[in-house]
N, C-alpha and C. Protein backbone atom coordinates (compact mmCIF):
# COMPACT_ATOMS: atom_id res chain seq x y z
N MET A 1 60.11 39.24 129.93
CA MET A 1 60.95 38.97 130.77
C MET A 1 61.39 40.66 131.29
N SER A 2 61.24 41.46 132.46
CA SER A 2 61.89 42.29 132.22
C SER A 2 63.56 42.16 133.29
N THR A 3 64.10 43.03 132.94
CA THR A 3 65.47 43.10 133.37
C THR A 3 66.13 44.34 133.92
N ALA A 4 66.37 43.75 135.56
CA ALA A 4 66.36 44.98 136.38
C ALA A 4 67.94 45.96 135.86
N PRO A 5 67.75 47.04 135.35
CA PRO A 5 68.87 47.69 135.48
C PRO A 5 69.77 47.82 136.73
N THR A 6 71.29 47.42 136.57
CA THR A 6 72.28 47.19 137.06
C THR A 6 73.06 48.20 137.48
N VAL A 7 73.40 48.65 138.61
CA VAL A 7 73.96 49.79 139.47
C VAL A 7 75.32 48.83 139.67
N VAL A 8 75.88 50.45 139.38
CA VAL A 8 77.49 49.85 140.10
C VAL A 8 77.99 51.02 141.00
N VAL A 9 78.51 50.82 142.00
CA VAL A 9 79.09 51.72 142.85
C VAL A 9 80.45 51.55 143.13
N ARG A 10 80.90 52.74 142.76
CA ARG A 10 82.78 52.67 142.84
C ARG A 10 83.20 52.88 144.24
N LYS A 11 83.82 52.45 145.10
CA LYS A 11 83.99 52.67 145.93
C LYS A 11 86.03 53.27 146.21
N GLY A 12 86.02 54.71 146.04
CA GLY A 12 86.76 55.27 146.79
C GLY A 12 87.25 55.41 147.60
N GLY A 13 88.76 55.01 147.49
CA GLY A 13 89.71 54.81 148.79
C GLY A 13 90.37 55.99 149.54
N ALA A 14 90.72 55.86 150.27
CA ALA A 14 91.75 57.13 150.56
C ALA A 14 91.39 58.48 149.50
N LEU A 15 93.12 57.10 149.09
CA LEU A 15 93.99 58.52 147.90
C LEU A 15 92.91 59.24 146.94
N SER A 16 91.77 58.67 146.67
CA SER A 16 91.34 59.16 145.45
C SER A 16 90.45 60.70 146.07
N ALA A 17 89.61 60.13 147.89
CA ALA A 17 89.30 60.99 148.24
C ALA A 17 90.48 62.53 148.37
N LEU A 18 91.81 61.85 149.35
CA LEU A 18 92.32 63.57 148.64
C LEU A 18 92.57 63.96 147.95
N VAL A 19 93.05 63.36 147.15
CA VAL A 19 92.89 64.23 144.92
C VAL A 19 91.93 64.93 145.17
N SER A 20 90.27 63.69 144.94
CA SER A 20 89.23 65.20 144.84
C SER A 20 89.17 66.33 145.63
N GLY A 21 89.82 66.05 146.99
CA GLY A 21 89.84 67.34 147.82
C GLY A 21 90.82 68.53 147.51
N VAL A 22 91.99 68.17 147.08
CA VAL A 22 93.10 68.96 146.56
C VAL A 22 92.24 69.58 145.33
N PHE A 23 91.94 69.22 144.98
CA PHE A 23 90.91 69.99 142.99
C PHE A 23 90.04 70.57 143.70
N ALA A 24 89.11 70.23 144.56
CA ALA A 24 88.13 71.08 144.79
C ALA A 24 88.39 71.95 145.79
N THR A 25 89.22 72.55 146.68
CA THR A 25 90.18 73.85 146.96
C THR A 25 90.50 74.60 146.41
N LEU A 26 91.48 73.78 145.17
CA LEU A 26 92.12 74.23 143.80
C LEU A 26 91.53 75.30 142.92
N ILE A 27 89.63 74.65 142.50
CA ILE A 27 88.80 75.38 142.26
C ILE A 27 88.26 76.68 142.93
N VAL A 28 87.91 76.14 144.20
CA VAL A 28 87.64 77.82 145.17
C VAL A 28 88.34 78.66 145.32
N CYS A 29 90.30 78.29 145.50
CA CYS A 29 90.71 79.17 145.60
C CYS A 29 90.86 80.06 144.10
N ILE A 30 90.69 78.96 143.40
CA ILE A 30 90.78 79.71 141.55
C ILE A 30 89.95 81.38 141.69
N VAL A 31 88.95 80.19 142.00
CA VAL A 31 87.17 81.41 141.77
C VAL A 31 87.24 82.43 142.92
N CYS A 32 87.78 82.21 143.80
CA CYS A 32 88.62 83.11 145.07
C CYS A 32 88.85 84.66 144.75
N ALA A 33 90.13 83.69 143.69
CA ALA A 33 91.02 85.03 143.22
C ALA A 33 90.91 85.82 142.25
N ALA A 34 90.13 84.86 141.50
CA ALA A 34 89.42 85.61 139.81
C ALA A 34 88.32 86.90 140.82
N ALA A 35 87.29 86.57 141.47
CA ALA A 35 86.76 87.50 142.50
C ALA A 35 86.99 88.59 142.66
N LEU A 36 88.82 88.40 143.56
CA LEU A 36 89.33 89.58 144.37
C LEU A 36 89.46 90.61 143.61
N GLY A 37 90.58 89.49 142.24
CA GLY A 37 91.12 90.49 141.10
C GLY A 37 90.24 91.65 140.30
N TRP A 38 89.20 91.10 139.93
CA TRP A 38 88.04 91.83 139.85
C TRP A 38 87.55 93.12 140.81
N TYR A 39 87.20 92.69 141.88
CA TYR A 39 86.98 93.72 142.25
C TYR A 39 87.82 94.55 142.85
N THR A 40 89.42 94.00 142.88
CA THR A 40 90.33 94.88 143.82
C THR A 40 90.39 96.07 141.93
N LEU A 41 90.34 95.47 140.76
CA LEU A 41 90.72 96.28 139.72
C LEU A 41 89.87 97.24 139.78
N SER A 42 88.19 97.24 140.29
CA SER A 42 87.28 97.73 140.17
C SER A 42 87.40 99.35 140.89
N VAL A 43 87.82 98.74 142.76
CA VAL A 43 88.80 99.95 142.96
C VAL A 43 89.51 100.83 142.85
N VAL A 44 90.71 99.89 142.07
CA VAL A 44 91.51 100.58 141.60
C VAL A 44 91.22 101.76 140.39
N ASP A 45 90.81 101.21 139.36
CA ASP A 45 90.04 102.83 138.31
C ASP A 45 89.01 103.55 139.08
N ARG A 46 88.27 102.82 140.32
CA ARG A 46 87.53 104.10 141.27
C ARG A 46 88.08 105.60 141.25
N LYS A 47 89.61 104.58 142.47
CA LYS A 47 89.84 105.47 143.28
C LYS A 47 90.89 106.34 142.30
N ALA A 48 91.35 106.34 141.00
CA ALA A 48 92.35 106.46 140.18
C ALA A 48 92.00 107.38 139.63
N SER A 49 90.67 107.55 139.15
CA SER A 49 89.77 108.48 138.85
C SER A 49 89.90 109.54 139.46
N GLU A 50 89.25 109.37 141.09
CA GLU A 50 89.40 110.50 141.93
C GLU A 50 90.39 110.84 142.39
N VAL A 51 91.87 110.58 142.53
CA VAL A 51 93.43 110.91 142.52
C VAL A 51 93.07 111.65 140.96
N LEU A 52 92.82 111.64 140.36
CA LEU A 52 92.82 112.55 138.84
C LEU A 52 92.08 113.32 138.99
N GLY A 53 90.69 113.07 139.58
CA GLY A 53 89.88 114.51 139.11
C GLY A 53 90.62 115.22 140.32
N VAL A 54 91.58 114.88 141.94
CA VAL A 54 91.72 115.94 142.83
C VAL A 54 93.07 117.08 142.26
N GLY A 55 93.69 115.79 141.14
CA GLY A 55 95.36 116.65 140.74
C GLY A 55 95.06 117.53 140.03
N GLN A 56 93.94 117.56 139.26
CA GLN A 56 93.60 118.43 137.72
C GLN A 56 92.38 119.60 138.66
N ALA A 57 92.15 119.81 140.00
CA ALA A 57 91.46 120.76 140.61
C ALA A 57 92.62 121.54 141.70
N LEU A 58 93.55 120.50 141.49
CA LEU A 58 94.86 120.75 142.24
C LEU A 58 95.64 121.90 141.64
N PHE A 59 96.23 121.38 140.52
CA PHE A 59 97.08 121.71 138.92
C PHE A 59 95.69 123.44 138.77
N GLN A 60 94.76 123.04 139.12
CA GLN A 60 93.58 124.42 137.61
C GLN A 60 94.18 125.83 139.14
N SER A 61 93.79 125.32 140.10
CA SER A 61 94.24 126.34 141.97
C SER A 61 95.46 126.67 141.94
N MET A 62 96.35 126.31 141.10
CA MET A 62 97.98 126.37 141.36
C MET A 62 97.87 127.54 141.29
N PRO A 63 97.79 128.90 140.44
CA PRO A 63 97.68 130.46 140.63
C PRO A 63 97.10 131.11 141.95
N GLU A 64 96.09 130.83 141.48
CA GLU A 64 95.50 131.58 143.46
C GLU A 64 96.47 131.48 144.76
N TRP A 65 96.77 130.09 144.38
CA TRP A 65 97.10 129.64 145.73
C TRP A 65 98.97 130.00 145.35
N ARG A 66 99.42 130.61 144.27
CA ARG A 66 100.87 130.82 144.90
C ARG A 66 100.35 132.39 144.72
N ASP A 67 98.87 133.04 144.64
CA ASP A 67 99.54 134.35 144.30
C ASP A 67 98.91 134.47 145.82
N SER A 68 98.34 133.07 147.46
CA SER A 68 98.34 134.14 147.85
C SER A 68 99.39 133.85 149.16
N LEU A 69 100.55 133.56 148.69
CA LEU A 69 102.02 132.78 149.64
C LEU A 69 102.28 134.68 149.57
N PRO A 70 103.38 134.30 150.83
CA PRO A 70 103.84 135.26 151.29
C PRO A 70 105.58 135.69 150.01
N PRO A 71 105.64 136.79 149.58
CA PRO A 71 106.33 137.59 148.32
C PRO A 71 107.72 136.35 149.00
N ALA A 72 107.59 136.09 149.68
CA ALA A 72 109.55 135.33 149.55
C ALA A 72 108.67 133.88 149.71
N LEU A 73 108.17 133.17 149.81
CA LEU A 73 107.88 132.21 148.95
C LEU A 73 107.37 131.82 147.59
N ALA A 74 106.58 132.93 147.57
CA ALA A 74 105.73 132.91 145.87
C ALA A 74 106.97 132.79 145.21
N ASP A 75 108.64 133.46 145.29
CA ASP A 75 109.58 133.99 144.97
C ASP A 75 109.99 132.46 143.94
N MET A 76 110.34 131.76 145.51
CA MET A 76 110.94 130.62 145.07
C MET A 76 110.12 129.99 144.09
N LEU A 77 108.75 129.60 143.33
CA LEU A 77 108.31 129.60 142.72
C LEU A 77 108.06 129.80 141.24
N HIS A 78 109.27 130.96 141.18
CA HIS A 78 109.83 131.32 139.91
C HIS A 78 110.21 131.14 139.56
N ASP A 79 111.22 129.77 139.06
CA ASP A 79 112.89 129.68 139.05
C ASP A 79 112.25 128.43 138.09
N ARG A 80 113.90 128.43 137.20
CA ARG A 80 113.32 127.28 136.10
C ARG A 80 114.98 127.33 136.19
N ARG A 81 114.74 125.94 136.07
CA ARG A 81 116.25 124.66 135.40
C ARG A 81 116.71 125.69 134.33
N ALA A 82 118.07 126.18 133.97
CA ALA A 82 118.93 126.68 133.37
C ALA A 82 120.42 126.12 133.13
N PRO A 83 120.47 125.07 132.44
CA PRO A 83 122.34 125.00 132.87
C PRO A 83 122.84 125.86 131.28
N GLU A 84 122.71 126.43 130.71
CA GLU A 84 123.01 127.58 129.81
C GLU A 84 123.75 128.85 130.39
N TYR A 85 123.49 128.66 131.74
CA TYR A 85 123.93 129.44 132.83
C TYR A 85 124.77 129.55 133.18
N ARG A 86 125.28 128.48 132.99
CA ARG A 86 126.82 127.87 133.27
C ARG A 86 128.17 128.87 132.80
N ALA A 87 127.84 129.37 131.78
CA ALA A 87 129.06 130.01 131.11
C ALA A 87 128.95 131.22 131.76
N GLN A 88 127.56 131.60 132.66
CA GLN A 88 128.45 132.92 133.24
C GLN A 88 128.43 132.91 134.66
N LEU A 89 128.85 131.68 135.00
CA LEU A 89 129.96 131.40 136.49
C LEU A 89 130.90 130.70 136.61
N ASP A 90 132.13 131.34 137.22
CA ASP A 90 133.23 131.17 137.25
C ASP A 90 133.81 130.58 138.89
N ALA A 91 133.92 129.00 138.91
CA ALA A 91 133.70 128.62 139.83
C ALA A 91 134.64 127.23 140.20
N SER A 92 135.67 127.50 141.31
CA SER A 92 136.49 126.56 141.93
C SER A 92 136.32 126.28 142.90
N ALA A 93 137.34 125.48 143.68
CA ALA A 93 137.48 124.44 144.87
C ALA A 93 139.04 124.25 144.79
N GLU A 94 139.64 124.57 145.70
CA GLU A 94 140.99 124.60 146.07
C GLU A 94 140.79 123.79 147.43
N VAL A 95 142.34 122.46 147.86
CA VAL A 95 142.11 121.94 148.92
C VAL A 95 142.50 122.26 149.93
N VAL A 96 142.72 123.02 151.38
CA VAL A 96 143.91 123.05 151.88
C VAL A 96 144.12 122.50 153.02
N ALA A 97 144.82 123.03 153.58
CA ALA A 97 145.25 122.26 154.87
C ALA A 97 145.09 122.52 156.52
N GLY A 98 144.73 121.87 157.11
CA GLY A 98 143.23 122.09 158.01
C GLY A 98 144.45 122.87 159.51
N HIS A 99 143.75 123.52 160.42
CA HIS A 99 144.30 123.97 161.20
C HIS A 99 143.43 124.38 162.49
N GLY A 100 144.34 123.74 163.63
CA GLY A 100 143.99 123.74 164.85
C GLY A 100 142.68 122.83 165.65
N ARG A 101 141.75 123.34 165.71
CA ARG A 101 140.54 122.08 165.73
C ARG A 101 139.60 121.63 163.89
N HIS A 102 140.03 122.39 163.55
CA HIS A 102 139.95 121.60 162.54
C HIS A 102 141.22 120.79 161.16
N SER A 103 141.49 119.95 162.33
CA SER A 103 142.43 119.21 161.11
C SER A 103 142.32 118.51 160.65
N SER A 104 141.17 118.22 160.10
CA SER A 104 140.98 118.40 158.53
C SER A 104 141.17 118.66 157.37
N PRO A 105 141.26 118.13 156.23
CA PRO A 105 141.32 119.13 154.92
C PRO A 105 140.12 119.78 155.24
N ARG A 106 140.32 120.75 153.99
CA ARG A 106 138.95 121.51 153.29
C ARG A 106 139.18 122.13 152.38
N ALA A 107 137.88 121.87 151.49
CA ALA A 107 137.75 122.51 150.71
C ALA A 107 136.94 123.68 150.42
N ILE A 108 138.37 125.23 149.59
CA ILE A 108 137.66 126.39 149.85
C ILE A 108 136.59 126.15 148.23
N ILE A 109 135.67 126.66 148.26
CA ILE A 109 134.94 126.96 146.88
C ILE A 109 134.20 128.78 146.59
N THR A 110 134.77 128.65 145.76
CA THR A 110 134.80 130.40 145.44
C THR A 110 133.85 130.08 143.81
N VAL A 111 132.84 131.11 144.10
CA VAL A 111 131.41 131.23 142.53
C VAL A 111 131.57 132.40 142.63
N THR A 112 131.72 132.63 141.24
CA THR A 112 131.23 134.55 140.41
C THR A 112 129.83 134.05 139.64
N ASN A 113 129.23 135.27 140.13
CA ASN A 113 127.91 135.30 139.47
C ASN A 113 128.32 136.02 138.30
N LYS A 114 128.52 136.35 136.84
CA LYS A 114 128.75 137.02 136.50
C LYS A 114 127.45 137.23 135.00
N GLY A 115 126.49 136.60 135.09
CA GLY A 115 125.57 137.33 134.91
C GLY A 115 124.98 138.12 135.02
N ALA A 116 123.50 137.94 134.62
CA ALA A 116 122.85 139.34 135.11
C ALA A 116 121.26 138.69 135.85
N ALA A 117 120.99 137.35 136.64
CA ALA A 117 120.47 136.58 136.66
C ALA A 117 120.94 136.44 137.95
N THR A 118 119.78 136.18 138.86
CA THR A 118 120.06 135.94 140.34
C THR A 118 120.12 133.47 140.15
N VAL A 119 120.65 133.43 141.31
CA VAL A 119 120.88 131.85 141.04
C VAL A 119 120.26 131.37 142.19
N THR A 120 119.39 130.82 141.93
CA THR A 120 117.85 130.43 143.25
C THR A 120 118.74 128.64 143.32
N LEU A 121 119.31 128.26 142.62
CA LEU A 121 119.79 126.39 143.41
C LEU A 121 120.90 126.06 142.21
N LEU A 122 122.19 126.03 142.97
CA LEU A 122 123.14 126.08 142.55
C LEU A 122 124.12 124.63 143.27
N THR A 123 124.04 123.11 142.47
CA THR A 123 124.89 122.53 142.82
C THR A 123 126.05 121.67 142.37
N ALA A 124 126.70 121.48 142.84
CA ALA A 124 128.28 120.94 143.18
C ALA A 124 128.41 119.64 143.15
N ARG A 125 129.72 118.98 142.58
CA ARG A 125 130.19 117.53 143.08
C ARG A 125 132.23 118.13 143.58
N ILE A 126 132.46 118.29 144.20
CA ILE A 126 133.94 118.31 144.30
C ILE A 126 134.24 116.87 144.44
N VAL A 127 134.97 116.31 143.00
CA VAL A 127 135.75 115.07 142.81
C VAL A 127 137.38 115.58 143.49
N LEU A 128 137.94 114.50 144.23
CA LEU A 128 139.34 114.52 144.80
C LEU A 128 140.22 113.64 144.37
N ALA A 129 141.41 114.16 143.92
CA ALA A 129 141.97 113.25 143.12
C ALA A 129 143.58 112.76 144.06
N ASP A 130 143.84 111.41 143.50
CA ASP A 130 145.48 111.40 144.08
C ASP A 130 146.25 112.08 143.19
N GLU A 131 147.74 111.50 143.73
CA GLU A 131 148.64 112.18 143.11
C GLU A 131 148.71 111.92 141.54
N ALA A 132 148.46 110.73 140.94
CA ALA A 132 148.50 110.18 139.53
C ALA A 132 147.12 111.18 138.95
N GLY A 133 145.68 111.75 139.90
CA GLY A 133 144.83 112.34 139.06
C GLY A 133 143.69 111.24 139.14
N HIS A 134 143.86 110.77 139.91
CA HIS A 134 142.67 109.55 139.32
C HIS A 134 141.43 109.89 140.95
N PRO A 135 140.73 109.75 140.50
CA PRO A 135 139.48 110.17 140.96
C PRO A 135 139.77 109.49 142.16
N GLN A 136 139.73 109.67 143.60
CA GLN A 136 139.79 109.01 145.01
C GLN A 136 138.42 109.16 146.26
N GLY A 137 137.69 110.09 145.51
CA GLY A 137 136.77 110.83 146.45
C GLY A 137 135.93 112.02 145.87
N GLU A 138 134.22 111.68 146.80
CA GLU A 138 133.50 113.11 145.90
C GLU A 138 133.21 113.39 147.21
N ARG A 139 132.46 115.33 146.82
CA ARG A 139 131.75 115.36 147.71
C ARG A 139 130.38 116.48 147.19
N ARG A 140 129.27 116.24 147.44
CA ARG A 140 127.82 117.08 146.78
C ARG A 140 127.98 117.84 148.05
N ILE A 141 127.55 119.16 147.12
CA ILE A 141 127.58 120.28 148.30
C ILE A 141 126.05 121.57 147.41
N PHE A 142 125.13 121.94 148.47
CA PHE A 142 124.68 123.26 148.07
C PHE A 142 125.89 124.44 147.66
N ILE A 143 125.47 125.19 146.77
CA ILE A 143 126.08 126.66 146.58
C ILE A 143 124.89 127.75 146.93
N ALA A 144 123.70 127.66 146.05
CA ALA A 144 123.36 127.95 145.93
C ALA A 144 121.20 127.39 146.29
N THR A 145 120.74 128.40 147.27
CA THR A 145 119.53 127.74 147.47
C THR A 145 118.39 128.97 147.62
N PRO A 146 117.15 128.19 147.22
CA PRO A 146 115.95 129.47 146.88
C PRO A 146 115.74 129.88 148.05
N LEU A 147 116.08 129.70 149.80
CA LEU A 147 116.09 130.66 151.05
C LEU A 147 117.44 130.81 151.72
N THR A 148 117.50 131.54 152.21
CA THR A 148 118.50 131.81 153.10
C THR A 148 118.39 131.23 154.79
N LEU A 149 118.61 130.35 155.66
CA LEU A 149 118.53 130.22 157.07
C LEU A 149 118.98 129.78 157.32
N ASP A 150 119.31 129.41 158.66
CA ASP A 150 120.53 128.90 159.66
C ASP A 150 121.11 127.50 160.08
N GLU A 151 121.65 126.69 158.65
CA GLU A 151 121.81 125.95 158.17
C GLU A 151 122.94 125.58 157.03
N ASP A 152 123.74 125.41 157.31
CA ASP A 152 125.39 125.26 156.72
C ASP A 152 124.72 125.31 155.04
N GLU A 153 124.26 124.63 154.42
CA GLU A 153 123.64 124.02 153.25
C GLU A 153 122.68 125.47 152.09
N TRP A 154 122.05 125.56 153.49
CA TRP A 154 120.64 126.74 153.36
C TRP A 154 122.29 128.18 152.72
N ARG A 155 122.62 128.34 152.37
CA ARG A 155 123.66 129.42 151.67
C ARG A 155 122.32 131.08 151.07
N GLY A 156 121.53 130.55 150.70
CA GLY A 156 120.61 131.81 149.94
C GLY A 156 121.11 131.73 148.84
N PRO A 157 119.91 132.82 148.28
CA PRO A 157 120.35 132.67 146.08
C PRO A 157 121.37 133.28 145.64
N LEU A 158 122.20 133.40 145.27
CA LEU A 158 123.81 133.81 144.63
C LEU A 158 122.95 135.35 143.38
N LEU A 159 122.96 136.35 143.78
CA LEU A 159 122.22 137.56 143.23
C LEU A 159 124.08 138.02 141.99
N PRO A 160 123.46 138.79 141.24
CA PRO A 160 124.30 139.02 140.24
C PRO A 160 125.14 139.76 140.13
N GLY A 161 126.20 139.60 140.07
CA GLY A 161 128.06 139.71 140.29
C GLY A 161 128.14 139.67 141.45
N THR A 162 127.62 139.17 141.77
CA THR A 162 128.52 138.63 143.82
C THR A 162 129.90 137.50 143.43
N THR A 163 130.31 137.35 144.34
CA THR A 163 131.38 136.05 144.90
C THR A 163 130.99 135.70 145.79
N ARG A 164 130.40 133.93 145.69
CA ARG A 164 130.81 133.85 147.16
C ARG A 164 131.72 132.74 147.26
N ARG A 165 131.99 132.79 148.95
CA ARG A 165 133.11 131.87 149.50
C ARG A 165 132.92 131.40 150.19
N PHE A 166 133.76 129.89 150.10
CA PHE A 166 133.11 129.20 151.87
C PHE A 166 133.68 127.57 151.87
N SER A 167 133.76 127.66 152.57
CA SER A 167 134.52 125.82 153.37
C SER A 167 133.41 125.48 153.28
N ARG A 168 134.65 124.15 152.91
CA ARG A 168 134.08 122.80 154.07
C ARG A 168 135.16 121.50 154.01
N SER A 169 134.39 121.37 155.51
CA SER A 169 135.04 120.27 155.58
C SER A 169 135.55 119.08 155.06
N LEU A 170 136.42 118.09 154.87
CA LEU A 170 136.50 116.92 153.89
C LEU A 170 137.05 116.06 154.95
N HIS A 171 136.33 115.46 156.02
CA HIS A 171 136.42 114.51 156.74
C HIS A 171 136.56 113.28 156.07
N GLY A 172 137.74 112.88 156.56
CA GLY A 172 138.41 111.02 156.43
C GLY A 172 139.42 111.47 155.23
N LEU A 173 139.52 112.70 154.58
CA LEU A 173 141.21 112.76 153.55
C LEU A 173 141.48 113.20 154.26
N GLU A 174 142.91 112.59 154.09
CA GLU A 174 144.40 112.42 155.10
C GLU A 174 145.36 113.69 155.18
N SER A 175 145.75 114.34 153.56
CA SER A 175 146.01 114.95 153.44
C SER A 175 145.33 115.37 151.85
N VAL A 176 145.78 116.64 151.69
CA VAL A 176 145.80 118.07 150.63
C VAL A 176 145.25 116.97 149.36
N ALA A 177 145.18 117.02 148.30
CA ALA A 177 145.08 116.22 147.61
C ALA A 177 144.34 117.34 146.37
N PRO A 178 144.34 117.17 145.12
CA PRO A 178 143.35 118.31 144.38
C PRO A 178 142.03 117.99 143.71
N ALA A 179 141.33 119.38 143.79
CA ALA A 179 139.85 118.90 143.63
C ALA A 179 139.92 119.86 142.15
N ALA A 180 138.49 118.65 141.64
CA ALA A 180 138.37 120.23 141.00
C ALA A 180 135.95 119.97 141.15
N LEU A 181 135.96 120.80 140.60
CA LEU A 181 134.15 121.45 141.16
C LEU A 181 133.48 121.46 139.36
N GLU A 182 132.67 120.21 139.70
CA GLU A 182 131.63 120.14 139.11
C GLU A 182 130.25 119.98 138.51
N ILE A 183 129.24 121.48 138.53
CA ILE A 183 127.93 121.81 138.65
C ILE A 183 127.53 120.69 138.33
N THR A 184 126.53 120.36 139.12
CA THR A 184 125.72 119.35 138.44
C THR A 184 123.67 120.65 138.34
N ASP A 185 123.87 120.75 138.76
CA ASP A 185 122.58 121.68 138.32
C ASP A 185 122.31 123.69 138.41
N VAL A 186 121.79 123.90 137.97
CA VAL A 186 121.64 125.59 138.13
C VAL A 186 120.21 125.71 137.91
N ARG A 187 119.37 126.98 138.61
CA ARG A 187 118.06 127.12 138.47
C ARG A 187 118.26 129.17 138.70
N VAL A 188 117.33 129.37 137.35
CA VAL A 188 117.65 130.82 137.86
C VAL A 188 116.84 131.28 138.06
N TRP A 189 116.11 132.18 138.95
CA TRP A 189 114.49 132.99 139.39
C TRP A 189 114.62 133.81 137.84
N SER A 190 112.52 133.47 137.01
CA SER A 190 112.27 133.58 136.50
C SER A 190 111.33 134.83 136.83
N PRO A 191 111.07 135.69 136.66
CA PRO A 191 110.01 136.67 136.76
C PRO A 191 108.68 136.44 135.83
N PRO A 192 107.67 136.44 137.25
CA PRO A 192 106.17 136.15 136.28
C PRO A 192 105.81 136.44 135.23
N ALA A 193 104.72 135.96 134.95
CA ALA A 193 104.29 136.50 133.39
C ALA A 193 103.78 137.47 133.74
N GLY A 194 103.82 139.23 132.77
CA GLY A 194 104.06 140.46 133.07
C GLY A 194 104.24 140.97 134.05
N GLY A 195 106.02 140.53 134.57
CA GLY A 195 106.42 140.94 135.06
C GLY A 195 108.01 141.30 134.86
N ALA A 196 108.71 142.56 134.45
CA ALA A 196 109.43 143.53 134.52
C ALA A 196 110.82 143.54 135.27
N THR A 197 111.91 142.69 134.99
CA THR A 197 113.02 142.66 135.65
C THR A 197 114.36 142.90 134.76
N PRO A 198 115.38 143.61 135.63
CA PRO A 198 116.36 144.10 134.45
C PRO A 198 117.18 142.17 133.54
N ASP A 199 116.97 141.21 134.25
CA ASP A 199 117.30 140.14 133.90
C ASP A 199 116.75 139.49 132.90
N ALA A 200 115.75 140.31 132.67
CA ALA A 200 114.23 139.39 132.44
C ALA A 200 115.41 139.31 130.24
N GLY A 201 115.65 139.73 129.91
CA GLY A 201 116.07 139.36 128.74
C GLY A 201 117.01 139.08 128.68
N LEU A 202 117.89 138.47 129.34
CA LEU A 202 119.22 137.45 129.56
C LEU A 202 118.34 136.54 129.35
N LEU A 203 117.01 135.95 130.70
CA LEU A 203 116.91 134.61 130.63
C LEU A 203 115.76 134.69 128.86
N ASP A 204 115.64 135.01 127.98
CA ASP A 204 114.56 135.61 127.69
C ASP A 204 116.19 134.73 126.50
N GLU A 205 116.78 135.48 125.95
CA GLU A 205 117.61 135.33 125.16
C GLU A 205 118.52 133.50 125.52
N ALA A 206 118.81 133.58 126.41
CA ALA A 206 119.31 132.25 126.87
C ALA A 206 118.57 131.23 127.30
N ALA A 207 116.66 131.47 126.81
CA ALA A 207 116.21 129.69 127.33
C ALA A 207 116.21 129.44 125.72
N PRO A 208 116.39 128.00 125.70
CA PRO A 208 116.04 126.82 124.41
C PRO A 208 114.84 126.77 123.51
């Protein structure tokens, strides 16, 4: 006598169907996220290689590109940071009272280039103090810039043996206060390879 197999049918309720649907959705999301991540990594890797190749080509073509520039612009690229050149600069700041329509106090900045190099960039901070000598404010200024433009901050390079003197309005300062000048960056003109200038020896000796 043969016995027929017993078939058990389990009927799930609404809760089990909901749980199954949630888990199925999570699995689909994980698979899609993994596929998207793999595709993104492949694209980034390919694009990074292309960008690197373009950067290398641009770097290799820099000498030709620089030589094709007008002399005034090409000279801007022949400079270097020279913090040791601060010893060749006499810099000071003094706050004076304003007059007439310039009622706010003004800072008088005086810088003398005692060295033999042309300063292409010179930036500084004017630190204002109270009566006790504690800092109460500051201003950031450009003393020398690679180009001379019709703007207050673009004063042009500072040539050897010259003194630059200018004023800066201190809006918001109610009275005259002591001031100190802190040089924050110095760049000097460096002749191109094979070039000869009077300050080349000084730059070579000052280079670390």
